[in-house]
Amino acid sequence: MTDEVRADPVELAVLSQAVLMVAYRVRSELPRGWSGVLVPSSAFGNTNAAESLAVDYGDAIETAGRAVEDLTGVLDGDADRLLRIAFAYKQTDDEEMERHESVGLPG
């Protein structure tokens, strides 16, 4: 015997929208978040290692930016998949209802 998996298509669509909103908010808040992280190159001083430190800092900031972009891309993909699953459940529910009605069973 197999276990049946049930999901409410409406709730899946609501969850999809919520995930999409998280991705949007991360993207829209990112510029404000950077303002607290970015420092001028003069902050690294004038020692021999200052230039190297500034380059490493720039690389770290760039990597962090890519990581956030990757995260929002994953969230967008998750939202899309949730919506597709919601539609698939809805379609299956509708087909089953039609099948039941066609043989005189209550929905």
PDB file of N, CA and C in Angstrom:
ATOM      1  N   MET A   1       0.833  -1.171   0.000  1.00  0.00           N
ATOM      2  CA  MET A   1       0.000   0.000   0.000  1.00  0.00           C
ATOM      3  C   MET A   1       0.885   1.245   0.000  1.00  0.00           C
ATOM      4  N   THR A   2       0.534   2.204  -0.811  1.00  0.00           N
ATOM      5  CA  THR A   2       1.309   3.442  -0.854  1.00  0.00           C
ATOM      6  C   THR A   2       0.622   4.514  -0.025  1.00  0.00           C
ATOM      7  N   ASP A   3       1.409   5.393   0.506  1.00  0.00           N
ATOM      8  CA  ASP A   3       0.863   6.514   1.264  1.00  0.00           C
ATOM      9  C   ASP A   3       0.481   7.624   0.293  1.00  0.00           C
ATOM     10  N   GLU A   4      -0.665   8.207   0.534  1.00  0.00           N
ATOM     11  CA  GLU A   4      -1.136   9.301  -0.317  1.00  0.00           C
ATOM     12  C   GLU A   4      -0.596  10.619   0.225  1.00  0.00           C
ATOM     13  N   VAL A   5      -0.125  11.440  -0.668  1.00  0.00           N
ATOM     14  CA  VAL A   5       0.348  12.768  -0.300  1.00  0.00           C
ATOM     15  C   VAL A   5      -0.713  13.767  -0.730  1.00  0.00           C
ATOM     16  N   ARG A   6      -1.145  14.593   0.191  1.00  0.00           N
ATOM     17  CA  ARG A   6      -2.168  15.593  -0.101  1.00  0.00           C
ATOM     18  C   ARG A   6      -1.599  16.978   0.175  1.00  0.00           C
ATOM     19  N   ALA A   7      -2.019  17.915  -0.613  1.00  0.00           N
ATOM     20  CA  ALA A   7      -1.632  19.310  -0.403  1.00  0.00           C
ATOM     21  C   ALA A   7      -2.755  20.196  -0.907  1.00  0.00           C
ATOM     22  N   ASP A   8      -2.928  21.307  -0.254  1.00  0.00           N
ATOM     23  CA  ASP A   8      -3.938  22.277  -0.649  1.00  0.00           C
ATOM     24  C   ASP A   8      -3.321  23.198  -1.701  1.00  0.00           C
ATOM     25  N   PRO A   9      -3.841  23.175  -2.937  1.00  0.00           N
ATOM     26  CA  PRO A   9      -3.272  24.009  -3.993  1.00  0.00           C
ATOM     27  C   PRO A   9      -3.265  25.497  -3.639  1.00  0.00           C
ATOM     28  N   VAL A  10      -4.295  25.945  -2.957  1.00  0.00           N
ATOM     29  CA  VAL A  10      -4.358  27.365  -2.584  1.00  0.00           C
ATOM     30  C   VAL A  10      -3.241  27.703  -1.597  1.00  0.00           C
ATOM     31  N   GLU A  11      -3.028  26.838  -0.620  1.00  0.00           N
ATOM     32  CA  GLU A  11      -1.960  27.083   0.359  1.00  0.00           C
ATOM     33  C   GLU A  11      -0.583  27.031  -0.303  1.00  0.00           C
ATOM     34  N   LEU A  12      -0.412  26.142  -1.266  1.00  0.00           N
ATOM     35  CA  LEU A  12       0.858  26.094  -1.998  1.00  0.00           C
ATOM     36  C   LEU A  12       1.080  27.381  -2.779  1.00  0.00           C
ATOM     37  N   ALA A  13       0.030  27.904  -3.385  1.00  0.00           N
ATOM     38  CA  ALA A  13       0.139  29.165  -4.128  1.00  0.00           C
ATOM     39  C   ALA A  13       0.463  30.319  -3.181  1.00  0.00           C
ATOM     40  N   VAL A  14      -0.148  30.315  -2.005  1.00  0.00           N
ATOM     41  CA  VAL A  14       0.143  31.345  -1.001  1.00  0.00           C
ATOM     42  C   VAL A  14       1.607  31.245  -0.557  1.00  0.00           C
ATOM     43  N   LEU A  15       2.078  30.034  -0.323  1.00  0.00           N
ATOM     44  CA  LEU A  15       3.475  29.829   0.056  1.00  0.00           C
ATOM     45  C   LEU A  15       4.409  30.289  -1.060  1.00  0.00           C
ATOM     46  N   SER A  16       4.055  29.991  -2.295  1.00  0.00           N
ATOM     47  CA  SER A  16       4.849  30.428  -3.439  1.00  0.00           C
ATOM     48  C   SER A  16       4.982  31.946  -3.453  1.00  0.00           C
ATOM     49  N   GLN A  17       3.880  32.632  -3.224  1.00  0.00           N
ATOM     50  CA  GLN A  17       3.891  34.094  -3.204  1.00  0.00           C
ATOM     51  C   GLN A  17       4.757  34.616  -2.056  1.00  0.00           C
ATOM     52  N   ALA A  18       4.688  33.966  -0.909  1.00  0.00           N
ATOM     53  CA  ALA A  18       5.497  34.387   0.241  1.00  0.00           C
ATOM     54  C   ALA A  18       6.989  34.222  -0.045  1.00  0.00           C
ATOM     55  N   VAL A  19       7.363  33.117  -0.675  1.00  0.00           N
ATOM     56  CA  VAL A  19       8.769  32.880  -1.020  1.00  0.00           C
ATOM     57  C   VAL A  19       9.237  33.917  -2.036  1.00  0.00           C
ATOM     58  N   LEU A  20       8.390  34.220  -3.002  1.00  0.00           N
ATOM     59  CA  LEU A  20       8.720  35.243  -3.993  1.00  0.00           C
ATOM     60  C   LEU A  20       8.918  36.600  -3.317  1.00  0.00           C
ATOM     61  N   MET A  21       8.096  36.903  -2.336  1.00  0.00           N
ATOM     62  CA  MET A  21       8.215  38.171  -1.611  1.00  0.00           C
ATOM     63  C   MET A  21       9.526  38.237  -0.825  1.00  0.00           C
ATOM     64  N   VAL A  22       9.951  37.115  -0.265  1.00  0.00           N
ATOM     65  CA  VAL A  22      11.236  37.093   0.446  1.00  0.00           C
ATOM     66  C   VAL A  22      12.366  37.426  -0.528  1.00  0.00           C
ATOM     67  N   ALA A  23      12.347  36.824  -1.700  1.00  0.00           N
ATOM     68  CA  ALA A  23      13.378  37.108  -2.704  1.00  0.00           C
ATOM     69  C   ALA A  23      13.365  38.586  -3.079  1.00  0.00           C
ATOM     70  N   TYR A  24      12.178  39.130  -3.270  1.00  0.00           N
ATOM     71  CA  TYR A  24      12.049  40.548  -3.629  1.00  0.00           C
ATOM     72  C   TYR A  24      12.615  41.435  -2.519  1.00  0.00           C
ATOM     73  N   ARG A  25      12.263  41.120  -1.271  1.00  0.00           N
ATOM     74  CA  ARG A  25      12.730  41.948  -0.156  1.00  0.00           C
ATOM     75  C   ARG A  25      14.244  41.863   0.010  1.00  0.00           C
ATOM     76  N   VAL A  26      14.813  40.689  -0.182  1.00  0.00           N
ATOM     77  CA  VAL A  26      16.269  40.563  -0.091  1.00  0.00           C
ATOM     78  C   VAL A  26      16.917  41.442  -1.150  1.00  0.00           C
ATOM     79  N   ARG A  27      16.398  41.369  -2.377  1.00  0.00           N
ATOM     80  CA  ARG A  27      16.962  42.198  -3.454  1.00  0.00           C
ATOM     81  C   ARG A  27      16.800  43.687  -3.161  1.00  0.00           C
ATOM     82  N   SER A  28      15.629  44.082  -2.708  1.00  0.00           N
ATOM     83  CA  SER A  28      15.372  45.508  -2.510  1.00  0.00           C
ATOM     84  C   SER A  28      16.114  46.076  -1.300  1.00  0.00           C
ATOM     85  N   GLU A  29      16.388  45.256  -0.296  1.00  0.00           N
ATOM     86  CA  GLU A  29      17.090  45.731   0.899  1.00  0.00           C
ATOM     87  C   GLU A  29      18.609  45.648   0.764  1.00  0.00           C
ATOM     88  N   LEU A  30      19.088  44.953  -0.240  1.00  0.00           N
ATOM     89  CA  LEU A  30      20.527  44.763  -0.385  1.00  0.00           C
ATOM     90  C   LEU A  30      21.296  46.082  -0.461  1.00  0.00           C
ATOM     91  N   PRO A  31      20.870  47.046  -1.273  1.00  0.00           N
ATOM     92  CA  PRO A  31      21.641  48.296  -1.329  1.00  0.00           C
ATOM     93  C   PRO A  31      21.769  48.977   0.041  1.00  0.00           C
ATOM     94  N   ARG A  32      20.706  48.955   0.821  1.00  0.00           N
ATOM     95  CA  ARG A  32      20.761  49.568   2.148  1.00  0.00           C
ATOM     96  C   ARG A  32      21.700  48.770   3.059  1.00  0.00           C
ATOM     97  N   GLY A  33      21.711  47.466   2.902  1.00  0.00           N
ATOM     98  CA  GLY A  33      22.603  46.633   3.700  1.00  0.00           C
ATOM     99  C   GLY A  33      24.066  46.889   3.393  1.00  0.00           C
ATOM    100  N   TRP A  34      24.364  47.153   2.131  1.00  0.00           N
ATOM    101  CA  TRP A  34      25.756  47.403   1.756  1.00  0.00           C
ATOM    102  C   TRP A  34      26.293  48.665   2.416  1.00  0.00           C
ATOM    103  N   SER A  35      25.435  49.650   2.647  1.00  0.00           N
ATOM    104  CA  SER A  35      25.914  50.922   3.192  1.00  0.00           C
ATOM    105  C   SER A  35      26.605  50.736   4.543  1.00  0.00           C
ATOM    106  N   GLY A  36      26.213  49.735   5.293  1.00  0.00           N
ATOM    107  CA  GLY A  36      26.856  49.493   6.576  1.00  0.00           C
ATOM    108  C   GLY A  36      28.102  48.635   6.491  1.00  0.00           C
ATOM    109  N   VAL A  37      28.381  48.113   5.309  1.00  0.00           N
ATOM    110  CA  VAL A  37      29.502  47.190   5.144  1.00  0.00           C
ATOM    111  C   VAL A  37      30.648  47.816   4.363  1.00  0.00           C
ATOM    112  N   LEU A  38      30.337  48.687   3.436  1.00  0.00           N
ATOM    113  CA  LEU A  38      31.364  49.267   2.572  1.00  0.00           C
ATOM    114  C   LEU A  38      32.209  50.287   3.334  1.00  0.00           C
ATOM    115  N   VAL A  39      33.494  50.208   3.154  1.00  0.00           N
ATOM    116  CA  VAL A  39      34.415  51.165   3.776  1.00  0.00           C
ATOM    117  C   VAL A  39      35.299  51.759   2.685  1.00  0.00           C
ATOM    118  N   PRO A  40      35.747  52.995   2.869  1.00  0.00           N
ATOM    119  CA  PRO A  40      36.617  53.605   1.853  1.00  0.00           C
ATOM    120  C   PRO A  40      37.991  52.932   1.845  1.00  0.00           C
ATOM    121  N   SER A  41      38.644  53.009   0.711  1.00  0.00           N
ATOM    122  CA  SER A  41      39.962  52.370   0.602  1.00  0.00           C
ATOM    123  C   SER A  41      40.969  53.000   1.554  1.00  0.00           C
ATOM    124  N   SER A  42      40.751  54.249   1.934  1.00  0.00           N
ATOM    125  CA  SER A  42      41.668  54.907   2.874  1.00  0.00           C
ATOM    126  C   SER A  42      41.624  54.264   4.263  1.00  0.00           C
ATOM    127  N   ALA A  43      40.591  53.513   4.546  1.00  0.00           N
ATOM    128  CA  ALA A  43      40.458  52.870   5.858  1.00  0.00           C
ATOM    129  C   ALA A  43      41.498  51.777   6.073  1.00  0.00           C
ATOM    130  N   PHE A  44      42.157  51.348   5.011  1.00  0.00           N
ATOM    131  CA  PHE A  44      43.135  50.270   5.133  1.00  0.00           C
ATOM    132  C   PHE A  44      44.534  50.783   5.465  1.00  0.00           C
ATOM    133  N   GLY A  45      44.672  52.082   5.581  1.00  0.00           N
ATOM    134  CA  GLY A  45      45.945  52.673   5.982  1.00  0.00           C
ATOM    135  C   GLY A  45      46.952  52.743   4.849  1.00  0.00           C
ATOM    136  N   ASN A  46      48.196  53.019   5.218  1.00  0.00           N
ATOM    137  CA  ASN A  46      49.246  53.189   4.209  1.00  0.00           C
ATOM    138  C   ASN A  46      50.411  52.229   4.427  1.00  0.00           C
ATOM    139  N   THR A  47      50.136  51.106   5.044  1.00  0.00           N
ATOM    140  CA  THR A  47      51.193  50.113   5.249  1.00  0.00           C
ATOM    141  C   THR A  47      51.397  49.318   3.963  1.00  0.00           C
ATOM    142  N   ASN A  48      52.417  48.476   3.963  1.00  0.00           N
ATOM    143  CA  ASN A  48      52.699  47.651   2.789  1.00  0.00           C
ATOM    144  C   ASN A  48      51.532  46.723   2.455  1.00  0.00           C
ATOM    145  N   ALA A  49      50.809  46.269   3.460  1.00  0.00           N
ATOM    146  CA  ALA A  49      49.726  45.308   3.244  1.00  0.00           C
ATOM    147  C   ALA A  49      48.386  45.975   2.933  1.00  0.00           C
ATOM    148  N   ALA A  50      48.318  47.293   2.978  1.00  0.00           N
ATOM    149  CA  ALA A  50      47.042  47.995   2.798  1.00  0.00           C
ATOM    150  C   ALA A  50      46.404  47.683   1.450  1.00  0.00           C
ATOM    151  N   GLU A  51      47.193  47.726   0.392  1.00  0.00           N
ATOM    152  CA  GLU A  51      46.636  47.476  -0.943  1.00  0.00           C
ATOM    153  C   GLU A  51      46.109  46.046  -1.048  1.00  0.00           C
ATOM    154  N   SER A  52      46.867  45.105  -0.546  1.00  0.00           N
ATOM    155  CA  SER A  52      46.441  43.703  -0.581  1.00  0.00           C
ATOM    156  C   SER A  52      45.172  43.501   0.242  1.00  0.00           C
ATOM    157  N   LEU A  53      45.112  44.142   1.389  1.00  0.00           N
ATOM    158  CA  LEU A  53      43.930  44.043   2.241  1.00  0.00           C
ATOM    159  C   LEU A  53      42.706  44.636   1.542  1.00  0.00           C
ATOM    160  N   ALA A  54      42.890  45.766   0.881  1.00  0.00           N
ATOM    161  CA  ALA A  54      41.787  46.402   0.154  1.00  0.00           C
ATOM    162  C   ALA A  54      41.286  45.498  -0.971  1.00  0.00           C
ATOM    163  N   VAL A  55      42.205  44.849  -1.677  1.00  0.00           N
ATOM    164  CA  VAL A  55      41.823  43.935  -2.755  1.00  0.00           C
ATOM    165  C   VAL A  55      41.067  42.740  -2.183  1.00  0.00           C
ATOM    166  N   ASP A  56      41.578  42.172  -1.105  1.00  0.00           N
ATOM    167  CA  ASP A  56      40.899  41.032  -0.479  1.00  0.00           C
ATOM    168  C   ASP A  56      39.511  41.420   0.020  1.00  0.00           C
ATOM    169  N   TYR A  57      39.409  42.606   0.594  1.00  0.00           N
ATOM    170  CA  TYR A  57      38.111  43.096   1.069  1.00  0.00           C
ATOM    171  C   TYR A  57      37.144  43.237  -0.110  1.00  0.00           C
ATOM    172  N   GLY A  58      37.611  43.806  -1.200  1.00  0.00           N
ATOM    173  CA  GLY A  58      36.771  43.943  -2.399  1.00  0.00           C
ATOM    174  C   GLY A  58      36.322  42.590  -2.927  1.00  0.00           C
ATOM    175  N   ASP A  59      37.233  41.625  -2.930  1.00  0.00           N
ATOM    176  CA  ASP A  59      36.876  40.271  -3.372  1.00  0.00           C
ATOM    177  C   ASP A  59      35.811  39.653  -2.464  1.00  0.00           C
ATOM    178  N   ALA A  60      35.954  39.875  -1.157  1.00  0.00           N
ATOM    179  CA  ALA A  60      34.977  39.326  -0.209  1.00  0.00           C
ATOM    180  C   ALA A  60      33.601  39.953  -0.427  1.00  0.00           C
ATOM    181  N   ILE A  61      33.563  41.263  -0.643  1.00  0.00           N
ATOM    182  CA  ILE A  61      32.293  41.952  -0.888  1.00  0.00           C
ATOM    183  C   ILE A  61      31.659  41.434  -2.182  1.00  0.00           C
ATOM    184  N   GLU A  62      32.473  41.261  -3.212  1.00  0.00           N
ATOM    185  CA  GLU A  62      31.966  40.747  -4.493  1.00  0.00           C
ATOM    186  C   GLU A  62      31.414  39.328  -4.329  1.00  0.00           C
ATOM    187  N   THR A  63      32.112  38.493  -3.600  1.00  0.00           N
ATOM    188  CA  THR A  63      31.653  37.124  -3.353  1.00  0.00           C
ATOM    189  C   THR A  63      30.345  37.124  -2.568  1.00  0.00           C
ATOM    190  N   ALA A  64      30.252  37.996  -1.581  1.00  0.00           N
ATOM    191  CA  ALA A  64      29.016  38.097  -0.799  1.00  0.00           C
ATOM    192  C   ALA A  64      27.851  38.532  -1.690  1.00  0.00           C
ATOM    193  N   GLY A  65      28.102  39.473  -2.577  1.00  0.00           N
ATOM    194  CA  GLY A  65      27.054  39.921  -3.503  1.00  0.00           C
ATOM    195  C   GLY A  65      26.574  38.792  -4.397  1.00  0.00           C
ATOM    196  N   ARG A  66      27.511  38.013  -4.909  1.00  0.00           N
ATOM    197  CA  ARG A  66      27.126  36.870  -5.748  1.00  0.00           C
ATOM    198  C   ARG A  66      26.334  35.844  -4.944  1.00  0.00           C
ATOM    199  N   ALA A  67      26.720  35.642  -3.695  1.00  0.00           N
ATOM    200  CA  ALA A  67      26.002  34.678  -2.847  1.00  0.00           C
ATOM    201  C   ALA A  67      24.556  35.122  -2.634  1.00  0.00           C
ATOM    202  N   VAL A  68      24.353  36.409  -2.416  1.00  0.00           N
ATOM    203  CA  VAL A  68      22.990  36.921  -2.233  1.00  0.00           C
ATOM    204  C   VAL A  68      22.204  36.781  -3.534  1.00  0.00           C
ATOM    205  N   GLU A  69      22.838  37.079  -4.658  1.00  0.00           N
ATOM    206  CA  GLU A  69      22.171  36.896  -5.955  1.00  0.00           C
ATOM    207  C   GLU A  69      21.795  35.433  -6.168  1.00  0.00           C
ATOM    208  N   ASP A  70      22.702  34.534  -5.817  1.00  0.00           N
ATOM    209  CA  ASP A  70      22.410  33.098  -5.937  1.00  0.00           C
ATOM    210  C   ASP A  70      21.235  32.705  -5.050  1.00  0.00           C
ATOM    211  N   LEU A  71      21.220  33.220  -3.832  1.00  0.00           N
ATOM    212  CA  LEU A  71      20.131  32.921  -2.905  1.00  0.00           C
ATOM    213  C   LEU A  71      18.788  33.380  -3.470  1.00  0.00           C
ATOM    214  N   THR A  72      18.743  34.598  -3.987  1.00  0.00           N
ATOM    215  CA  THR A  72      17.469  35.085  -4.526  1.00  0.00           C
ATOM    216  C   THR A  72      17.068  34.292  -5.762  1.00  0.00           C
ATOM    217  N   GLY A  73      18.035  33.835  -6.532  1.00  0.00           N
ATOM    218  CA  GLY A  73      17.722  32.982  -7.676  1.00  0.00           C
ATOM    219  C   GLY A  73      17.112  31.656  -7.242  1.00  0.00           C
ATOM    220  N   VAL A  74      17.657  31.084  -6.176  1.00  0.00           N
ATOM    221  CA  VAL A  74      17.109  29.832  -5.639  1.00  0.00           C
ATOM    222  C   VAL A  74      15.689  30.062  -5.128  1.00  0.00           C
ATOM    223  N   LEU A  75      15.477  31.166  -4.423  1.00  0.00           N
ATOM    224  CA  LEU A  75      14.136  31.481  -3.918  1.00  0.00           C
ATOM    225  C   LEU A  75      13.145  31.660  -5.068  1.00  0.00           C
ATOM    226  N   ASP A  76      13.572  32.348  -6.126  1.00  0.00           N
ATOM    227  CA  ASP A  76      12.702  32.502  -7.301  1.00  0.00           C
ATOM    228  C   ASP A  76      12.334  31.141  -7.886  1.00  0.00           C
ATOM    229  N   GLY A  77      13.326  30.266  -8.001  1.00  0.00           N
ATOM    230  CA  GLY A  77      13.076  28.926  -8.532  1.00  0.00           C
ATOM    231  C   GLY A  77      12.152  28.120  -7.638  1.00  0.00           C
ATOM    232  N   ASP A  78      12.349  28.236  -6.325  1.00  0.00           N
ATOM    233  CA  ASP A  78      11.477  27.524  -5.386  1.00  0.00           C
ATOM    234  C   ASP A  78      10.040  28.017  -5.508  1.00  0.00           C
ATOM    235  N   ALA A  79       9.868  29.331  -5.620  1.00  0.00           N
ATOM    236  CA  ALA A  79       8.518  29.897  -5.760  1.00  0.00           C
ATOM    237  C   ALA A  79       7.858  29.376  -7.033  1.00  0.00           C
ATOM    238  N   ASP A  80       8.616  29.317  -8.107  1.00  0.00           N
ATOM    239  CA  ASP A  80       8.082  28.811  -9.375  1.00  0.00           C
ATOM    240  C   ASP A  80       7.674  27.343  -9.246  1.00  0.00           C
ATOM    241  N   ARG A  81       8.533  26.541  -8.620  1.00  0.00           N
ATOM    242  CA  ARG A  81       8.211  25.121  -8.455  1.00  0.00           C
ATOM    243  C   ARG A  81       6.989  24.919  -7.559  1.00  0.00           C
ATOM    244  N   LEU A  82       6.881  25.697  -6.507  1.00  0.00           N
ATOM    245  CA  LEU A  82       5.701  25.594  -5.637  1.00  0.00           C
ATOM    246  C   LEU A  82       4.426  25.916  -6.408  1.00  0.00           C
ATOM    247  N   LEU A  83       4.477  26.932  -7.247  1.00  0.00           N
ATOM    248  CA  LEU A  83       3.302  27.305  -8.032  1.00  0.00           C
ATOM    249  C   LEU A  83       2.957  26.210  -9.042  1.00  0.00           C
ATOM    250  N   ARG A  84       3.966  25.630  -9.661  1.00  0.00           N
ATOM    251  CA  ARG A  84       3.714  24.524 -10.596  1.00  0.00           C
ATOM    252  C   ARG A  84       3.077  23.328  -9.882  1.00  0.00           C
ATOM    253  N   ILE A  85       3.564  23.041  -8.685  1.00  0.00           N
ATOM    254  CA  ILE A  85       2.993  21.938  -7.906  1.00  0.00           C
ATOM    255  C   ILE A  85       1.548  22.251  -7.536  1.00  0.00           C
ATOM    256  N   ALA A  86       1.283  23.499  -7.166  1.00  0.00           N
ATOM    257  CA  ALA A  86      -0.092  23.899  -6.828  1.00  0.00           C
ATOM    258  C   ALA A  86      -1.016  23.670  -8.016  1.00  0.00           C
ATOM    259  N   PHE A  87      -0.573  24.076  -9.205  1.00  0.00           N
ATOM    260  CA  PHE A  87      -1.392  23.871 -10.402  1.00  0.00           C
ATOM    261  C   PHE A  87      -1.577  22.387 -10.701  1.00  0.00           C
ATOM    262  N   ALA A  88      -0.535  21.604 -10.496  1.00  0.00           N
ATOM    263  CA  ALA A  88      -0.643  20.161 -10.744  1.00  0.00           C
ATOM    264  C   ALA A  88      -1.648  19.519  -9.785  1.00  0.00           C
ATOM    265  N   TYR A  89      -1.600  19.893  -8.514  1.00  0.00           N
ATOM    266  CA  TYR A  89      -2.579  19.376  -7.551  1.00  0.00           C
ATOM    267  C   TYR A  89      -3.992  19.796  -7.931  1.00  0.00           C
ATOM    268  N   LYS A  90      -4.147  21.061  -8.309  1.00  0.00           N
ATOM    269  CA  LYS A  90      -5.474  21.560  -8.686  1.00  0.00           C
ATOM    270  C   LYS A  90      -6.000  20.797  -9.898  1.00  0.00           C
ATOM    271  N   GLN A  91      -5.154  20.604 -10.889  1.00  0.00           N
ATOM    272  CA  GLN A  91      -5.562  19.876 -12.090  1.00  0.00           C
ATOM    273  C   GLN A  91      -5.954  18.439 -11.735  1.00  0.00           C
ATOM    274  N   THR A  92      -5.166  17.781 -10.907  1.00  0.00           N
ATOM    275  CA  THR A  92      -5.480  16.410 -10.496  1.00  0.00           C
ATOM    276  C   THR A  92      -6.791  16.363  -9.721  1.00  0.00           C
ATOM    277  N   ASP A  93      -6.977  17.309  -8.808  1.00  0.00           N
ATOM    278  CA  ASP A  93      -8.233  17.363  -8.048  1.00  0.00           C
ATOM    279  C   ASP A  93      -9.425  17.547  -8.979  1.00  0.00           C
ATOM    280  N   ASP A  94      -9.288  18.448  -9.949  1.00  0.00           N
ATOM    281  CA  ASP A  94     -10.379  18.693 -10.900  1.00  0.00           C
ATOM    282  C   ASP A  94     -10.676  17.450 -11.739  1.00  0.00           C
ATOM    283  N   GLU A  95      -9.623  16.770 -12.188  1.00  0.00           N
ATOM    284  CA  GLU A  95      -9.809  15.560 -12.993  1.00  0.00           C
ATOM    285  C   GLU A  95     -10.479  14.456 -12.178  1.00  0.00           C
ATOM    286  N   GLU A  96     -10.076  14.307 -10.924  1.00  0.00           N
ATOM    287  CA  GLU A  96     -10.690  13.296 -10.059  1.00  0.00           C
ATOM    288  C   GLU A  96     -12.157  13.625  -9.788  1.00  0.00           C
ATOM    289  N   MET A  97     -12.460  14.890  -9.577  1.00  0.00           N
ATOM    290  CA  MET A  97     -13.843  15.312  -9.356  1.00  0.00           C
ATOM    291  C   MET A  97     -14.685  14.994 -10.588  1.00  0.00           C
ATOM    292  N   GLU A  98     -14.135  15.292 -11.751  1.00  0.00           N
ATOM    293  CA  GLU A  98     -14.831  14.999 -13.011  1.00  0.00           C
ATOM    294  C   GLU A  98     -15.071  13.500 -13.161  1.00  0.00           C
ATOM    295  N   ARG A  99     -14.056  12.717 -12.845  1.00  0.00           N
ATOM    296  CA  ARG A  99     -14.159  11.264 -12.967  1.00  0.00           C
ATOM    297  C   ARG A  99     -15.231  10.728 -12.018  1.00  0.00           C
ATOM    298  N   HIS A 100     -15.239  11.196 -10.807  1.00  0.00           N
ATOM    299  CA  HIS A 100     -16.249  10.758  -9.830  1.00  0.00           C
ATOM    300  C   HIS A 100     -17.651  11.125 -10.299  1.00  0.00           C
ATOM    301  N   GLU A 101     -17.797  12.349 -10.777  1.00  0.00           N
ATOM    302  CA  GLU A 101     -19.116  12.801 -11.222  1.00  0.00           C
ATOM    303  C   GLU A 101     -19.590  12.025 -12.448  1.00  0.00           C
ATOM    304  N   SER A 102     -18.642  11.635 -13.317  1.00  0.00           N
ATOM    305  CA  SER A 102     -19.024  10.928 -14.543  1.00  0.00           C
ATOM    306  C   SER A 102     -19.568   9.525 -14.260  1.00  0.00           C
ATOM    307  N   VAL A 103     -19.201   8.951 -13.125  1.00  0.00           N
ATOM    308  CA  VAL A 103     -19.715   7.623 -12.770  1.00  0.00           C
ATOM    309  C   VAL A 103     -20.768   7.702 -11.668  1.00  0.00           C
ATOM    310  N   GLY A 104     -21.203   8.919 -11.366  1.00  0.00           N
ATOM    311  CA  GLY A 104     -22.287   9.105 -10.408  1.00  0.00           C
ATOM    312  C   GLY A 104     -21.879   9.096  -8.950  1.00  0.00           C
ATOM    313  N   LEU A 105     -20.583   9.220  -8.682  1.00  0.00           N
ATOM    314  CA  LEU A 105     -20.123   9.273  -7.291  1.00  0.00           C
ATOM    315  C   LEU A 105     -20.147  10.719  -6.803  1.00  0.00           C
ATOM    316  N   PRO A 106     -20.371  10.917  -5.526  1.00  0.00           N
ATOM    317  CA  PRO A 106     -20.314  12.285  -5.005  1.00  0.00           C
ATOM    318  C   PRO A 106     -18.873  12.790  -5.015  1.00  0.00           C
ATOM    319  N   GLY A 107     -18.704  14.083  -5.259  1.00  0.00           N
ATOM    320  CA  GLY A 107     -17.379  14.683  -5.308  1.00  0.00           C
ATOM    321  C   GLY A 107     -16.731  14.698  -3.993  1.00  0.00           C
TER     322      GLY A 107
END
